[in-house]
Structure formats: C-alpha cells, structure tokens
Amino acid sequence: MLTSLALIFLVGLSMAGICQALKLPRIIGMLFTGILLGPYVLDFLAPSILSISSELRQMALIIILLKAGLSLNLSDLKKVGRPAVLMSFVPACFEIAAFILFAPLLLPVTRIEAAVMGAVLGAVSPAVVIPRMVRLMDGKYGTQQSIPQLIMAGASCDDIVVIVLFSTFLSMAQGQGAHLMDFINIPISIILGIALGAGIGWILSMFFETAYTHHRTIRNSTKMIVVLAISFLFLSVETWLTGIIPISGLLAVISMACVLKIKSPSFVSKRLSEKFGKLWIAAEVLLFVLVGAAVDIRYTLSAGIAAVLMIFIALAFRSLGVSLCLVKTKLSKKERLFCMIAYLPKATVQAAIGSVPLAAGLACGKLVLSVAVLAILTTAPLGAIGMDLTYKKLLTKESSQMCELAEKS
C-alpha cells in the first residue's frame, strides 16, 4: 500500500504539474494518472488500496466540503434563494428525460434501461465543481451575485436526488417497481442532514468559544481533527440509518461548517479554512487519481459514436434546465453561461455507480458502464477547462471596497 500511495502522490502531482504548464486543468493529469496506474492498464496499485478506494474518495470529498462550508456566507445563500433549490434537481431531471427520450433511438436499450442510464449520468461532479467554486469565492469572482454559492448549493443536493432516482429506476428495471417513499425521502434526507450538521456545528462553536473565553488553548490542528472526525461520523450515521431514516451525511458536513463559520470567532473559522485548504492539496490528488483508477478504459471503445452523441444531447438538455432555473434572476447572459458550463462535469458519482447495473445483471449493464466511462473522460476535462478558461471573462470580480461593505452589512 505504501508503494501505491507513493506512486499516487508522486506521479499524480507530476502529471498535474505538466498539465498546469500546458495551461490545462490539473485534474486531467490526476485522472489520467489513475487510469494508467489502475487495474485496467498498468495495474500498479495494490488491491488493498483499491478495496478502500471509495472510502478514501469520500474522505477527500469531505475535506473540500468542509473548506467550502467555512468559506460560505449564509447571507449569500439566502440571497440566492429559489434558483439554488431548482438547481438541485431540475438540470438532472432534464438530463434523465433526454436519455429516456433519445437513448432508445440511438442505443440498443429499452425506455426503463434508458432511465437507469440517465440516472447514472445525471449527477454533476461535486469533486470537480466545488474546489473551483471555493477558488472563485477566494478570488471574489461572481460573489456579488452569489454565483459560486448558488452552484455549490445546487451541486451538493443534486447527487442525492439522482442517486434516489437511480435506485428507483434500477428496482423498476429488475421488476421490483417504484415506491412513493423513495421520492418522499429526498426532501427528508436534505432537511435532516442540514439540521444534524447545524446542531453539531452550534455545539462545536460553543465549545471552541468557551475554551477561548476561559483561556484554554486548543490548537487549530486539534480543532481540525475534531471537525474532520465528526464529519466522518456523519457519513457513518447515514449508513447506519439506511432503511430507517433517510439523512444526507454530505449536507450535514457542509451545514456544520457553515454554522461554525457564523457562530465561531472569525479568526477560528478563518484558520480552520486555511488548515483544510492545505489538507486539500493531498486530498485532491488522492481523490482524482482514485476516480481515474475506477475507470475501466476497455469499455470506452465499445460505447461508439452514438454514445458520444447521446452524452452531448443530454448535456444540451441539462444546460436548458440550468437556464430555466435562472429565469427571473439578475444574472447576465455571461453569468448564466458560466452556470451552464459549471454544471457539465461528471466524475465521482459515475465512477461510484456506473458498474452497479452490470453487477445487478441488467442486460444494459455493460453499455451503461461504457457510457459512464466515456462521460467521465469527456465531460470532466470539458467542464474543468471550461470553468478555468472562462471565469475571468464571464464573471465580475468583486472589488475590495464592495467586499468590505458586504461584510459590514
């Protein structure tokens, strides 16, 4: 395992550096490192690390969600309002609808199999999107209109909706039918996740403040470890309560971080944010290399031109969904275009559930996995490059004077 970790970090950072020198997103280098080192090409990664790959990816995702929550301003989220709620499910539903309508015409699948495929492909990748939104917030790009916050909030809920729909369509494809409770559980999962995170965040902020008031020094590194450990527990609670009470562990993580930012002394949240920012340097490499390692490149060639066409038709529908979510907002055409670009990339969810239909014995399983792999390889770089190249042109940089006024208000 140690050799595998060494290869992941050394080769991953080297490939990321090469891509950066070529003016390409670092993520591309990391993804291709995972593909090359993974079991389907060179097979240099130990089975022991591949067996815990999903847990390591979750840990890395938690780190960036904590960094995101500690950078978020809840007043900005209130200002976003309705569009953030719509962005959490409308674009994904439009994309799934595109698969249901067009996949049977282009690919050898039935309507219900097309729905399963659409649900696999329907989620935006928080692993690609959220780090970029955090960077935009740090650089004050689009923050006056709360665009990074809008995209981050929508992307955080998008996955929950899609995974529930995927489970429902998978059951239908296996002849088990759909259940009303599966759909009712979506808002319950979101509300309980936010409530759990907010409650624990408030308790932690009181604890940190009490320690500071009584001159009992708690090192920032210790605070970071405590917050990280509780975040891991949130994901465990979600697993423990599966089938009993639906709850979103990832939303609990980001909710806790938001409350910590509001209730803790400003220097505490700022230093915690800096700590998680440094931790993300290593976590980012681990996340994207292991996502790449989960990609079975052998299935890509079998997908064909029809699959590529289907992916881009679905993205067009997705962009239409984003556009509808932003109707009657103050965003300019350029800002709306950036939101569409930010909602393109696929990676983590597709890597996690792309092989499930095949494992479940569905006739469309191999094709679904092929399209999922192809979507990762095309849309992750497309979305990442699109965001990196356009944010300065499409978004307005908030002046320091405006930032000071916003903080005072």
Protein backbone atom coordinates (compact mmCIF):
# COMPACT_ATOMS: atom_id res chain seq x y z
CA MET A 1 0.00 0.00 0.00
CA LEU A 2 2.84 2.42 0.80
CA THR A 3 4.29 1.97 -2.70
CA SER A 4 0.85 2.64 -4.20
CA LEU A 5 0.42 5.81 -2.12
CA ALA A 6 3.89 6.98 -3.17
CA LEU A 7 3.02 6.43 -6.85
CA ILE A 8 -0.35 8.17 -6.46
CA PHE A 9 1.20 11.31 -4.99
CA LEU A 10 4.45 11.47 -6.99
CA VAL A 11 3.04 10.59 -10.41
CA GLY A 12 -0.23 12.42 -9.73
CA LEU A 13 1.50 15.66 -8.77
CA SER A 14 3.94 15.36 -11.68
CA MET A 15 1.14 14.84 -14.22
CA ALA A 16 -0.85 17.68 -12.66
CA GLY A 17 2.21 19.94 -12.93
CA ILE A 18 2.69 19.02 -16.61
CA CYS A 19 -0.97 19.82 -17.35
CA GLN A 20 -0.68 23.11 -15.49
CA ALA A 21 2.39 24.04 -17.57
CA LEU A 22 0.37 23.26 -20.71
CA LYS A 23 -2.43 25.58 -19.45
CA LEU A 24 -4.72 22.59 -18.84
CA PRO A 25 -6.59 21.86 -15.57
CA ARG A 26 -4.56 19.83 -13.06
CA ILE A 27 -7.46 17.40 -12.69
CA ILE A 28 -6.79 15.98 -16.18
CA GLY A 29 -3.29 14.89 -15.17
CA MET A 30 -4.60 13.29 -11.99
CA LEU A 31 -7.41 11.43 -13.78
CA PHE A 32 -5.04 10.02 -16.39
CA THR A 33 -2.57 9.04 -13.65
CA GLY A 34 -5.33 6.95 -12.07
CA ILE A 35 -6.26 5.37 -15.41
CA LEU A 36 -2.61 4.48 -16.13
CA LEU A 37 -1.76 3.18 -12.65
CA GLY A 38 -5.14 1.47 -12.18
CA PRO A 39 -6.06 -2.19 -12.60
CA TYR A 40 -7.19 -1.82 -16.23
CA VAL A 41 -3.89 -0.52 -17.69
CA LEU A 42 -0.56 -0.92 -15.78
CA ASP A 43 -2.09 -2.41 -12.58
CA PHE A 44 0.48 -0.76 -10.28
CA LEU A 45 -1.94 -0.06 -7.41
CA ALA A 46 -2.19 -2.61 -4.61
CA PRO A 47 -5.54 -4.41 -4.15
CA SER A 48 -5.53 -3.22 -0.51
CA ILE A 49 -5.77 0.45 -1.56
CA LEU A 50 -8.30 -0.25 -4.32
CA SER A 51 -10.53 -2.07 -1.83
CA ILE A 52 -10.82 1.12 0.27
CA SER A 53 -10.84 3.45 -2.73
CA SER A 54 -14.46 4.58 -2.23
CA GLU A 55 -13.81 5.41 1.45
CA LEU A 56 -10.67 7.39 0.58
CA ARG A 57 -12.60 9.30 -2.10
CA GLN A 58 -15.30 10.10 0.46
CA MET A 59 -12.68 11.39 2.90
CA ALA A 60 -11.22 13.69 0.25
CA LEU A 61 -14.68 14.94 -0.68
CA ILE A 62 -15.43 15.69 2.99
CA ILE A 63 -12.28 17.82 3.23
CA ILE A 64 -13.27 20.05 0.30
CA LEU A 65 -16.87 20.28 1.57
CA LEU A 66 -15.58 21.48 4.95
CA LYS A 67 -13.36 24.04 3.21
CA ALA A 68 -16.38 25.10 1.14
CA GLY A 69 -18.67 25.44 4.15
CA LEU A 70 -16.10 27.50 6.04
CA SER A 71 -15.87 29.81 3.01
CA LEU A 72 -19.65 30.13 2.51
CA ASN A 73 -21.67 33.07 3.74
CA LEU A 74 -25.25 32.12 4.65
CA SER A 75 -26.50 35.61 3.85
CA ASP A 76 -25.30 34.98 0.29
CA LEU A 77 -27.23 31.70 0.20
CA LYS A 78 -30.39 33.48 1.40
CA LYS A 79 -29.88 35.98 -1.40
CA VAL A 80 -29.70 33.11 -3.92
CA GLY A 81 -32.97 31.51 -2.70
CA ARG A 82 -35.22 29.85 -5.30
CA PRO A 83 -32.60 29.21 -8.05
CA ALA A 84 -30.43 27.19 -5.61
CA VAL A 85 -33.37 24.89 -4.83
CA LEU A 86 -34.22 24.47 -8.51
CA MET A 87 -30.58 23.82 -9.46
CA SER A 88 -30.55 20.86 -7.06
CA PHE A 89 -32.92 18.79 -9.19
CA VAL A 90 -34.17 20.46 -12.41
CA PRO A 91 -30.98 20.11 -14.56
CA ALA A 92 -30.56 16.45 -13.53
CA CYS A 93 -34.22 15.69 -14.32
CA PHE A 94 -33.84 17.34 -17.75
CA GLU A 95 -30.79 15.20 -18.46
CA ILE A 96 -32.54 11.99 -17.40
CA ALA A 97 -35.52 12.97 -19.58
CA ALA A 98 -33.14 13.37 -22.55
CA PHE A 99 -31.90 9.79 -22.06
CA ILE A 100 -35.45 8.43 -21.76
CA LEU A 101 -36.47 10.21 -24.99
CA PHE A 102 -33.40 9.71 -27.19
CA ALA A 103 -31.32 6.77 -25.86
CA PRO A 104 -33.74 4.10 -27.22
CA LEU A 105 -33.42 5.73 -30.65
CA LEU A 106 -29.60 5.84 -30.62
CA LEU A 107 -28.62 2.87 -28.45
CA PRO A 108 -29.90 -0.72 -28.00
CA VAL A 109 -31.80 -0.04 -24.74
CA THR A 110 -35.43 -0.05 -23.60
CA ARG A 111 -37.09 3.03 -22.03
CA ILE A 112 -36.55 1.81 -18.47
CA GLU A 113 -32.92 0.90 -19.24
CA ALA A 114 -32.53 4.40 -20.73
CA ALA A 115 -33.87 5.80 -17.43
CA VAL A 116 -31.25 3.79 -15.49
CA MET A 117 -28.53 5.10 -17.81
CA GLY A 118 -29.80 8.67 -17.43
CA ALA A 119 -29.76 8.39 -13.64
CA VAL A 120 -26.15 7.15 -13.71
CA LEU A 121 -25.17 10.08 -15.94
CA GLY A 122 -27.45 12.69 -14.36
CA ALA A 123 -25.31 13.87 -11.43
CA VAL A 124 -22.86 16.75 -11.63
CA SER A 125 -19.49 16.03 -10.00
CA PRO A 126 -19.02 17.93 -6.71
CA ALA A 127 -15.38 16.81 -6.73
CA VAL A 128 -14.75 18.81 -9.92
CA VAL A 129 -17.11 21.72 -9.26
CA ILE A 130 -16.77 22.55 -5.56
CA PRO A 131 -12.96 23.13 -5.47
CA ARG A 132 -13.37 25.61 -8.33
CA MET A 133 -16.25 27.40 -6.61
CA VAL A 134 -14.13 27.71 -3.45
CA ARG A 135 -11.34 29.22 -5.56
CA LEU A 136 -13.81 31.68 -7.13
CA MET A 137 -15.04 32.73 -3.68
CA ASP A 138 -11.46 33.24 -2.51
CA GLY A 139 -10.76 35.32 -5.63
CA LYS A 140 -14.11 37.19 -5.31
CA TYR A 141 -15.26 36.23 -8.82
CA GLY A 142 -19.05 36.20 -9.20
CA THR A 143 -19.54 36.65 -5.45
CA GLN A 144 -21.55 39.87 -5.82
CA GLN A 145 -24.31 37.79 -7.47
CA SER A 146 -23.52 34.76 -5.25
CA ILE A 147 -22.82 32.58 -8.29
CA PRO A 148 -20.25 30.23 -6.66
CA GLN A 149 -22.58 29.79 -3.69
CA LEU A 150 -25.52 29.05 -5.99
CA ILE A 151 -23.61 26.40 -7.95
CA MET A 152 -22.13 24.86 -4.80
CA ALA A 153 -25.51 24.59 -3.06
CA GLY A 154 -27.15 23.04 -6.13
CA ALA A 155 -24.31 20.60 -6.76
CA SER A 156 -24.37 19.43 -3.12
CA CYS A 157 -28.05 18.38 -3.35
CA ASP A 158 -28.00 17.25 -6.99
CA ASP A 159 -26.28 13.95 -6.16
CA ILE A 160 -28.87 12.99 -3.53
CA VAL A 161 -31.78 13.41 -5.94
CA VAL A 162 -30.01 11.49 -8.72
CA ILE A 163 -28.95 8.56 -6.52
CA VAL A 164 -32.53 8.16 -5.20
CA LEU A 165 -33.86 8.20 -8.79
CA PHE A 166 -31.15 5.71 -9.81
CA SER A 167 -32.20 3.29 -7.04
CA THR A 168 -35.86 3.63 -8.10
CA PHE A 169 -35.20 3.06 -11.81
CA LEU A 170 -32.86 0.15 -11.03
CA SER A 171 -35.63 -1.53 -9.00
CA MET A 172 -38.08 -0.98 -11.85
CA ALA A 173 -35.61 -2.47 -14.38
CA GLN A 174 -35.29 -5.53 -12.12
CA GLY A 175 -39.09 -5.83 -11.99
CA GLN A 176 -39.44 -4.66 -8.38
CA GLY A 177 -41.43 -1.48 -9.14
CA ALA A 178 -41.14 2.06 -7.75
CA HIS A 179 -42.14 3.21 -4.26
CA LEU A 180 -43.62 6.59 -3.32
CA MET A 181 -41.49 6.73 -0.16
CA ASP A 182 -38.33 6.82 -2.27
CA PHE A 183 -39.39 10.23 -3.60
CA ILE A 184 -40.70 11.49 -0.23
CA ASN A 185 -37.34 10.58 1.32
CA ILE A 186 -35.46 13.11 -0.86
CA PRO A 187 -36.57 16.30 0.99
CA ILE A 188 -36.48 14.44 4.33
CA SER A 189 -32.85 13.46 3.69
CA ILE A 190 -31.92 17.06 2.82
CA ILE A 191 -33.72 18.63 5.82
CA LEU A 192 -32.40 16.11 8.38
CA GLY A 193 -28.85 16.41 7.01
CA ILE A 194 -28.89 20.20 7.32
CA ALA A 195 -30.47 20.04 10.81
CA LEU A 196 -27.95 17.48 12.12
CA GLY A 197 -24.97 19.44 10.79
CA ALA A 198 -26.29 22.77 12.10
CA GLY A 199 -26.91 21.34 15.57
CA ILE A 200 -23.46 19.78 15.90
CA GLY A 201 -21.87 22.91 14.39
CA TRP A 202 -23.55 25.08 17.03
CA ILE A 203 -22.35 22.78 19.85
CA LEU A 204 -18.78 22.82 18.49
CA SER A 205 -18.76 26.61 18.11
CA MET A 206 -19.94 26.99 21.74
CA PHE A 207 -17.20 24.59 22.86
CA PHE A 208 -14.47 26.46 20.96
CA GLU A 209 -15.76 29.84 22.21
CA THR A 210 -15.95 28.66 25.84
CA ALA A 211 -12.39 27.32 25.65
CA TYR A 212 -11.21 30.67 24.21
CA THR A 213 -13.08 32.69 26.87
CA HIS A 214 -11.55 30.63 29.71
CA HIS A 215 -8.07 30.90 28.15
CA ARG A 216 -7.84 27.17 27.47
CA THR A 217 -5.89 26.99 24.26
CA ILE A 218 -6.99 24.38 21.72
CA ARG A 219 -4.59 24.14 18.81
CA ASN A 220 -6.07 24.79 15.39
CA SER A 221 -4.74 21.41 14.24
CA THR A 222 -6.67 19.74 17.08
CA LYS A 223 -9.84 21.61 16.11
CA MET A 224 -9.36 20.46 12.52
CA ILE A 225 -9.03 16.82 13.60
CA VAL A 226 -12.17 17.06 15.77
CA VAL A 227 -14.22 18.62 12.95
CA LEU A 228 -12.90 16.04 10.46
CA ALA A 229 -13.67 13.12 12.79
CA ILE A 230 -17.25 14.34 13.36
CA SER A 231 -17.66 14.70 9.58
CA PHE A 232 -16.63 11.07 9.13
CA LEU A 233 -19.25 10.13 11.73
CA PHE A 234 -21.94 11.95 9.72
CA LEU A 235 -21.26 9.63 6.77
CA SER A 236 -21.33 6.65 9.13
CA VAL A 237 -24.67 7.79 10.60
CA GLU A 238 -26.10 7.97 7.06
CA THR A 239 -25.00 4.34 6.50
CA TRP A 240 -26.28 3.13 9.90
CA LEU A 241 -29.72 4.69 9.34
CA THR A 242 -30.15 3.38 5.79
CA GLY A 243 -33.63 1.89 5.50
CA ILE A 244 -34.72 3.53 8.78
CA ILE A 245 -34.39 7.31 8.46
CA PRO A 246 -33.01 8.98 5.31
CA ILE A 247 -30.31 11.53 6.08
CA SER A 248 -27.65 13.19 3.93
CA GLY A 249 -24.21 12.93 5.52
CA LEU A 250 -22.56 15.26 2.99
CA LEU A 251 -25.15 18.01 3.58
CA ALA A 252 -24.60 17.57 7.34
CA VAL A 253 -20.87 18.19 6.75
CA ILE A 254 -21.35 21.40 4.79
CA SER A 255 -24.10 22.60 7.17
CA MET A 256 -21.83 22.09 10.21
CA ALA A 257 -19.04 24.04 8.51
CA CYS A 258 -21.42 26.92 7.68
CA VAL A 259 -22.62 27.17 11.31
CA LEU A 260 -19.01 27.05 12.55
CA LYS A 261 -18.22 30.00 10.31
CA ILE A 262 -21.19 32.01 11.62
CA LYS A 263 -21.02 31.18 15.34
CA SER A 264 -17.27 30.80 15.96
CA PRO A 265 -14.94 33.80 16.37
CA SER A 266 -13.87 34.94 12.88
CA PHE A 267 -10.21 34.04 13.42
CA VAL A 268 -11.18 30.46 14.35
CA SER A 269 -13.16 29.79 11.16
CA LYS A 270 -10.52 31.55 9.06
CA ARG A 271 -7.69 29.41 10.44
CA LEU A 272 -9.74 26.24 10.13
CA SER A 273 -10.45 27.14 6.50
CA GLU A 274 -6.72 27.63 5.90
CA LYS A 275 -5.94 24.27 7.54
CA PHE A 276 -8.44 22.41 5.36
CA GLY A 277 -7.12 24.28 2.33
CA LYS A 278 -3.66 22.87 3.00
CA LEU A 279 -5.05 19.39 3.66
CA TRP A 280 -6.88 19.57 0.30
CA ILE A 281 -3.54 19.68 -1.55
CA ALA A 282 -3.00 15.99 -0.70
CA ALA A 283 -6.69 15.01 -0.68
CA GLU A 284 -7.21 16.39 -4.21
CA VAL A 285 -4.53 14.11 -5.64
CA LEU A 286 -5.91 11.09 -3.81
CA LEU A 287 -9.49 11.81 -4.91
CA PHE A 288 -8.93 12.29 -8.63
CA VAL A 289 -6.28 9.60 -9.06
CA LEU A 290 -8.60 7.06 -7.42
CA VAL A 291 -11.53 8.26 -9.55
CA GLY A 292 -9.31 7.63 -12.59
CA ALA A 293 -8.37 4.19 -11.24
CA ALA A 294 -12.07 3.28 -11.09
CA VAL A 295 -12.43 3.99 -14.82
CA ASP A 296 -12.32 0.84 -16.94
CA ILE A 297 -10.86 2.20 -20.17
CA ARG A 298 -11.69 -1.06 -22.00
CA TYR A 299 -15.38 -0.17 -22.03
CA THR A 300 -14.82 3.24 -23.63
CA LEU A 301 -14.18 1.98 -27.16
CA SER A 302 -17.25 -0.27 -27.09
CA ALA A 303 -19.56 2.71 -26.50
CA GLY A 304 -19.20 4.14 -30.02
CA ILE A 305 -20.14 7.43 -31.70
CA ALA A 306 -23.84 7.03 -30.82
CA ALA A 307 -22.95 7.12 -27.09
CA VAL A 308 -20.92 10.32 -27.56
CA LEU A 309 -23.83 11.90 -29.40
CA MET A 310 -26.22 10.83 -26.63
CA ILE A 311 -23.97 12.38 -23.95
CA PHE A 312 -23.92 15.73 -25.73
CA ILE A 313 -27.68 15.70 -26.39
CA ALA A 314 -28.16 15.10 -22.65
CA LEU A 315 -25.77 17.95 -21.80
CA ALA A 316 -27.79 20.26 -24.07
CA PHE A 317 -30.95 19.31 -22.14
CA ARG A 318 -29.08 19.81 -18.87
CA SER A 319 -27.99 23.30 -19.95
CA LEU A 320 -31.60 24.10 -20.84
CA GLY A 321 -32.59 23.01 -17.32
CA VAL A 322 -29.95 25.32 -15.79
CA SER A 323 -31.20 28.17 -17.97
CA LEU A 324 -34.79 27.66 -16.76
CA CYS A 325 -33.63 27.65 -13.12
CA LEU A 326 -32.11 31.11 -13.63
CA VAL A 327 -35.21 32.72 -15.19
CA LYS A 328 -36.18 35.98 -13.40
CA THR A 329 -32.79 36.28 -11.70
CA LYS A 330 -30.47 39.29 -12.01
CA LEU A 331 -27.73 37.24 -13.66
CA SER A 332 -26.42 38.45 -17.02
CA LYS A 333 -26.22 36.23 -20.10
CA LYS A 334 -22.49 35.70 -19.47
CA GLU A 335 -23.09 34.65 -15.86
CA ARG A 336 -25.84 32.24 -16.90
CA LEU A 337 -23.50 30.74 -19.49
CA PHE A 338 -20.90 30.16 -16.77
CA CYS A 339 -23.50 28.35 -14.62
CA MET A 340 -24.25 26.05 -17.57
CA ILE A 341 -20.52 25.29 -18.03
CA ALA A 342 -20.10 24.62 -14.30
CA TYR A 343 -22.88 22.01 -14.43
CA LEU A 344 -21.25 19.93 -17.19
CA PRO A 345 -18.60 17.74 -15.47
CA LYS A 346 -19.23 14.13 -14.42
CA ALA A 347 -16.80 12.05 -12.36
CA THR A 348 -17.35 10.84 -8.80
CA VAL A 349 -20.97 9.60 -8.89
CA GLN A 350 -20.47 7.97 -12.30
CA ALA A 351 -17.34 6.19 -11.05
CA ALA A 352 -19.23 5.05 -7.95
CA ILE A 353 -22.46 3.72 -9.51
CA GLY A 354 -21.55 3.17 -13.19
CA SER A 355 -20.86 -0.53 -12.66
CA VAL A 356 -23.93 -1.23 -10.46
CA PRO A 357 -26.32 -2.13 -13.34
CA LEU A 358 -23.71 -4.59 -14.68
CA ALA A 359 -23.27 -6.14 -11.22
CA ALA A 360 -27.07 -6.31 -10.88
CA GLY A 361 -27.22 -8.44 -14.03
CA LEU A 362 -29.09 -5.97 -16.26
CA ALA A 363 -28.75 -6.60 -20.00
CA CYS A 364 -27.77 -2.95 -20.47
CA GLY A 365 -25.12 -3.11 -17.72
CA LYS A 366 -22.04 -3.15 -19.95
CA LEU A 367 -23.39 -0.35 -22.15
CA VAL A 368 -24.29 1.81 -19.11
CA LEU A 369 -20.77 1.39 -17.75
CA SER A 370 -19.29 2.21 -21.18
CA VAL A 371 -21.30 5.42 -21.44
CA ALA A 372 -20.43 6.36 -17.83
CA VAL A 373 -16.70 5.93 -18.50
CA LEU A 374 -16.97 7.92 -21.72
CA ALA A 375 -18.88 10.69 -19.91
CA ILE A 376 -16.14 10.97 -17.26
CA LEU A 377 -13.38 11.15 -19.87
CA THR A 378 -15.20 13.80 -21.94
CA THR A 379 -17.16 15.96 -19.51
CA ALA A 380 -14.74 16.16 -16.55
CA PRO A 381 -11.98 17.79 -18.67
CA LEU A 382 -14.59 19.75 -20.68
CA GLY A 383 -16.21 21.24 -17.59
CA ALA A 384 -12.90 21.83 -15.79
CA ILE A 385 -11.27 23.51 -18.79
CA GLY A 386 -14.46 25.46 -19.49
CA MET A 387 -14.59 26.88 -15.95
CA ASP A 388 -10.86 27.59 -15.77
CA LEU A 389 -10.78 29.41 -19.11
CA THR A 390 -14.00 31.41 -18.84
CA TYR A 391 -14.50 32.55 -15.23
CA LYS A 392 -12.45 35.74 -15.70
CA LYS A 393 -14.35 36.60 -18.88
CA LEU A 394 -17.85 35.65 -17.79
CA LEU A 395 -17.86 36.64 -14.11
CA THR A 396 -17.32 40.04 -12.48
CA LYS A 397 -14.58 40.35 -9.88
CA GLU A 398 -15.91 42.00 -6.74
CA SER A 399 -13.80 44.97 -5.64
CA SER A 400 -12.27 45.02 -2.16
CA GLN A 401 -14.44 48.05 -1.31
CA MET A 402 -17.62 46.13 -2.19
CA CYS A 403 -16.41 43.13 -0.16
CA GLU A 404 -15.93 45.33 2.92
CA LEU A 405 -19.42 46.79 2.52
CA ALA A 406 -20.91 43.29 2.11
CA GLU A 407 -19.17 42.03 5.26
CA LYS A 408 -20.39 45.04 7.28
CA SER A 409 -23.98 44.58 6.09
